[in-house]
């Protein structure tokens, strides 16, 4: 019984990670960089091996440090 439960949690974790990642990309398109950073950090809290989430986290951080026009 515990084996099937852990599989369900793993699937839920993957869905949660994908939700945070997708939200981060949506915020990127809206140029809401603090929200990009927040969601990518949450995605990485679930799966810290996601190279794409690391990439977009870095992009969001770079955008935050650009001088305003």
C-alpha atoms as a PDB file:
ATOM      1  CA  UNK A   1       0.000   0.000   0.000  1.00  0.00           C
ATOM      2  CA  UNK A   2       2.819   2.442   0.765  1.00  0.00           C
ATOM      3  CA  UNK A   3       4.334   1.873  -2.685  1.00  0.00           C
ATOM      4  CA  UNK A   4       1.237   3.079  -4.518  1.00  0.00           C
ATOM      5  CA  UNK A   5       0.975   6.093  -2.237  1.00  0.00           C
ATOM      6  CA  UNK A   6       4.514   7.224  -2.938  1.00  0.00           C
ATOM      7  CA  UNK A   7       3.817   7.003  -6.675  1.00  0.00           C
ATOM      8  CA  UNK A   8       0.780   9.206  -6.269  1.00  0.00           C
ATOM      9  CA  UNK A   9       2.811  11.759  -4.322  1.00  0.00           C
ATOM     10  CA  UNK A  10       5.542  11.707  -6.965  1.00  0.00           C
ATOM     11  CA  UNK A  11       2.951  12.409  -9.664  1.00  0.00           C
ATOM     12  CA  UNK A  12       1.445  15.206  -7.582  1.00  0.00           C
ATOM     13  CA  UNK A  13       4.903  16.699  -7.016  1.00  0.00           C
ATOM     14  CA  UNK A  14       5.590  16.661 -10.770  1.00  0.00           C
ATOM     15  CA  UNK A  15       2.258  18.368 -11.455  1.00  0.00           C
ATOM     16  CA  UNK A  16       2.964  20.983  -8.789  1.00  0.00           C
ATOM     17  CA  UNK A  17       6.441  21.607 -10.190  1.00  0.00           C
ATOM     18  CA  UNK A  18       5.043  21.975 -13.716  1.00  0.00           C
ATOM     19  CA  UNK A  19       2.361  24.384 -12.469  1.00  0.00           C
ATOM     20  CA  UNK A  20       4.928  26.671 -10.832  1.00  0.00           C
ATOM     21  CA  UNK A  21       7.167  26.483 -13.900  1.00  0.00           C
ATOM     22  CA  UNK A  22       4.312  27.294 -16.293  1.00  0.00           C
ATOM     23  CA  UNK A  23       3.163  30.197 -14.139  1.00  0.00           C
ATOM     24  CA  UNK A  24       6.708  31.516 -14.151  1.00  0.00           C
ATOM     25  CA  UNK A  25       6.786  31.453 -17.950  1.00  0.00           C
ATOM     26  CA  UNK A  26       3.434  33.214 -18.120  1.00  0.00           C
ATOM     27  CA  UNK A  27       4.738  35.941 -15.831  1.00  0.00           C
ATOM     28  CA  UNK A  28       7.864  36.221 -18.002  1.00  0.00           C
ATOM     29  CA  UNK A  29       5.711  37.062 -21.008  1.00  0.00           C
ATOM     30  CA  UNK A  30       3.984  39.738 -18.901  1.00  0.00           C
ATOM     31  CA  UNK A  31       7.392  41.070 -17.784  1.00  0.00           C
ATOM     32  CA  UNK A  32       6.508  40.476 -14.123  1.00  0.00           C
ATOM     33  CA  UNK A  33       9.997  39.432 -13.114  1.00  0.00           C
ATOM     34  CA  UNK A  34       9.503  39.204  -9.331  1.00  0.00           C
ATOM     35  CA  UNK A  35       6.689  36.702 -10.002  1.00  0.00           C
ATOM     36  CA  UNK A  36       8.934  34.792 -12.428  1.00  0.00           C
ATOM     37  CA  UNK A  37      11.567  34.480  -9.710  1.00  0.00           C
ATOM     38  CA  UNK A  38       9.040  33.483  -7.054  1.00  0.00           C
ATOM     39  CA  UNK A  39       7.497  30.729  -9.205  1.00  0.00           C
ATOM     40  CA  UNK A  40      10.796  29.342 -10.464  1.00  0.00           C
ATOM     41  CA  UNK A  41      12.060  29.122  -6.886  1.00  0.00           C
ATOM     42  CA  UNK A  42       8.902  27.212  -5.957  1.00  0.00           C
ATOM     43  CA  UNK A  43       9.373  24.884  -8.943  1.00  0.00           C
ATOM     44  CA  UNK A  44      12.967  24.265  -7.859  1.00  0.00           C
ATOM     45  CA  UNK A  45      11.856  23.570  -4.288  1.00  0.00           C
ATOM     46  CA  UNK A  46       9.942  20.610  -5.727  1.00  0.00           C
ATOM     47  CA  UNK A  47      12.619  19.500  -8.241  1.00  0.00           C
ATOM     48  CA  UNK A  48      15.993  21.169  -8.006  1.00  0.00           C
ATOM     49  CA  UNK A  49      17.311  19.246 -11.019  1.00  0.00           C
ATOM     50  CA  UNK A  50      15.122  21.139 -13.525  1.00  0.00           C
ATOM     51  CA  UNK A  51      17.669  22.948 -15.721  1.00  0.00           C
ATOM     52  CA  UNK A  52      14.968  24.992 -17.462  1.00  0.00           C
ATOM     53  CA  UNK A  53      13.664  26.368 -14.169  1.00  0.00           C
ATOM     54  CA  UNK A  54      17.234  27.299 -13.194  1.00  0.00           C
ATOM     55  CA  UNK A  55      17.643  29.085 -16.532  1.00  0.00           C
ATOM     56  CA  UNK A  56      14.451  31.142 -16.187  1.00  0.00           C
ATOM     57  CA  UNK A  57      15.239  31.921 -12.554  1.00  0.00           C
ATOM     58  CA  UNK A  58      18.556  33.378 -13.713  1.00  0.00           C
ATOM     59  CA  UNK A  59      16.903  35.330 -16.518  1.00  0.00           C
ATOM     60  CA  UNK A  60      14.390  36.799 -14.089  1.00  0.00           C
ATOM     61  CA  UNK A  61      17.153  37.786 -11.700  1.00  0.00           C
ATOM     62  CA  UNK A  62      19.096  39.462 -14.510  1.00  0.00           C
ATOM     63  CA  UNK A  63      16.021  41.421 -15.591  1.00  0.00           C
ATOM     64  CA  UNK A  64      15.499  42.618 -12.026  1.00  0.00           C
ATOM     65  CA  UNK A  65      18.970  44.140 -12.014  1.00  0.00           C
ATOM     66  CA  UNK A  66      18.616  46.089 -15.244  1.00  0.00           C
ATOM     67  CA  UNK A  67      18.471  49.864 -14.834  1.00  0.00           C
ATOM     68  CA  UNK A  68      15.025  51.278 -15.427  1.00  0.00           C
ATOM     69  CA  UNK A  69      14.515  53.348 -18.584  1.00  0.00           C
END
